Amino acid sequence: MNEVDLSNITDVPGISLLPPWLINLQLEVRKYHPQLIEKYDLEGKDYTEVIACLAAEVNIVMDGMFTQEDLRGVCEMIMTRLRNRRSTIIIPDQTELPSP
């Protein structure tokens, strides 16, 4: 199956789609953090509710009115923190290292 470039599909007149940054957040959660979907019962929620739940999960405080650009920034911060959670850090056990 060939991949289709959808990078500029949000510019199609008469079609209202989710912005790419929101789709990327959805993919991140579904692929790497599916437990959050159940924890916050995210299925069927409005995207603003989803962003608020995920922001709370990664310790981002949200209060007030947000523009589309503000929400984009919040989503990028959420993505960064969720990606950091799935990063693996390997620290060797110091007791197994040979003494000098």
Protein backbone atom coordinates (compact mmCIF):
# COMPACT_ATOMS: atom_id res chain seq x y z
CA MET A 1 0.00 0.00 0.00
CA ASN A 2 1.43 3.38 -1.00
CA GLU A 3 1.69 6.19 1.53
CA VAL A 4 -0.32 9.32 0.81
CA ASP A 5 1.06 12.76 1.65
CA LEU A 6 -1.55 14.47 3.80
CA SER A 7 0.70 17.28 5.04
CA ASN A 8 -1.39 20.05 3.48
CA ILE A 9 -4.84 18.45 3.56
CA THR A 10 -6.02 20.92 6.22
CA ASP A 11 -5.97 23.59 3.49
CA VAL A 12 -8.74 21.96 1.44
CA PRO A 13 -11.73 24.33 1.29
CA GLY A 14 -14.95 23.01 2.81
CA ILE A 15 -13.23 20.21 4.76
CA SER A 16 -12.67 20.57 8.49
CA LEU A 17 -10.07 18.13 9.77
CA LEU A 18 -8.05 17.87 12.93
CA PRO A 19 -4.75 19.74 12.80
CA PRO A 20 -1.62 17.60 12.34
CA TRP A 21 -0.30 18.36 15.83
CA LEU A 22 -3.48 16.95 17.36
CA ILE A 23 -3.33 13.86 15.17
CA ASN A 24 0.31 13.34 16.23
CA LEU A 25 -0.72 13.52 19.89
CA GLN A 26 -3.48 10.99 19.29
CA LEU A 27 -1.03 8.62 17.57
CA GLU A 28 1.48 8.98 20.42
CA VAL A 29 -1.14 8.12 23.03
CA ARG A 30 -2.66 5.22 21.09
CA LYS A 31 0.68 3.64 20.18
CA TYR A 32 2.82 4.20 23.28
CA HIS A 33 0.45 5.13 26.14
CA PRO A 34 -2.80 3.19 25.63
CA GLN A 35 -3.25 2.87 29.39
CA LEU A 36 -4.07 6.60 29.49
CA ILE A 37 -7.08 6.07 27.23
CA GLU A 38 -8.65 3.78 29.81
CA LYS A 39 -7.39 5.72 32.85
CA TYR A 40 -9.09 8.94 31.71
CA ASP A 41 -11.87 7.33 29.65
CA LEU A 42 -10.74 9.33 26.60
CA GLU A 43 -12.84 7.53 23.99
CA GLY A 44 -15.47 9.88 22.63
CA LYS A 45 -14.33 12.94 24.58
CA ASP A 46 -13.96 16.34 22.96
CA TYR A 47 -10.36 17.09 22.00
CA THR A 48 -10.15 19.91 24.56
CA GLU A 49 -11.07 17.45 27.32
CA VAL A 50 -8.46 15.00 26.04
CA ILE A 51 -5.78 17.71 26.04
CA ALA A 52 -6.75 18.75 29.59
CA CYS A 53 -6.56 15.15 30.87
CA LEU A 54 -3.22 14.50 29.21
CA ALA A 55 -1.82 17.83 30.43
CA ALA A 56 -2.77 16.91 33.99
CA GLU A 57 -1.12 13.51 33.55
CA VAL A 58 2.22 15.13 32.66
CA ASN A 59 1.93 17.91 35.27
CA ILE A 60 1.02 20.80 32.99
CA VAL A 61 -1.43 23.19 34.65
CA MET A 62 -4.08 24.63 32.34
CA ASP A 63 -6.36 27.48 33.35
CA GLY A 64 -8.19 30.01 31.21
CA MET A 65 -9.06 30.40 27.55
CA PHE A 66 -6.71 29.03 24.89
CA THR A 67 -6.34 29.94 21.24
CA GLN A 68 -5.64 27.28 18.62
CA GLU A 69 -1.98 28.31 18.72
CA ASP A 70 -1.93 28.03 22.54
CA LEU A 71 -3.36 24.50 22.30
CA ARG A 72 -0.71 23.61 19.74
CA GLY A 73 2.00 24.69 22.20
CA VAL A 74 0.40 22.69 25.01
CA CYS A 75 0.16 19.61 22.77
CA GLU A 76 3.83 19.94 21.87
CA MET A 77 4.76 20.08 25.58
CA ILE A 78 2.58 17.04 26.28
CA MET A 79 4.20 15.16 23.39
CA THR A 80 7.70 15.97 24.68
CA ARG A 81 6.86 14.73 28.17
CA LEU A 82 5.13 11.58 26.92
CA ARG A 83 8.10 10.79 24.65
CA ASN A 84 10.44 11.23 27.60
CA ARG A 85 8.38 8.68 29.53
CA ARG A 86 8.93 6.05 26.90
CA SER A 87 12.67 6.65 26.68
CA THR A 88 14.72 3.94 28.31
CA ILE A 89 17.71 4.82 30.44
CA ILE A 90 20.04 1.93 31.23
CA ILE A 91 22.19 2.35 34.32
CA PRO A 92 24.68 -0.45 35.01
CA ASP A 93 24.65 -2.08 38.40
CA GLN A 94 27.73 -0.73 40.17
CA THR A 95 28.24 -3.99 42.08
CA GLU A 96 28.96 -5.88 38.87
CA LEU A 97 31.69 -3.58 37.61
CA PRO A 98 35.26 -4.86 37.97
CA SER A 99 37.33 -2.98 40.51
CA PRO A 100 40.24 -0.93 39.10
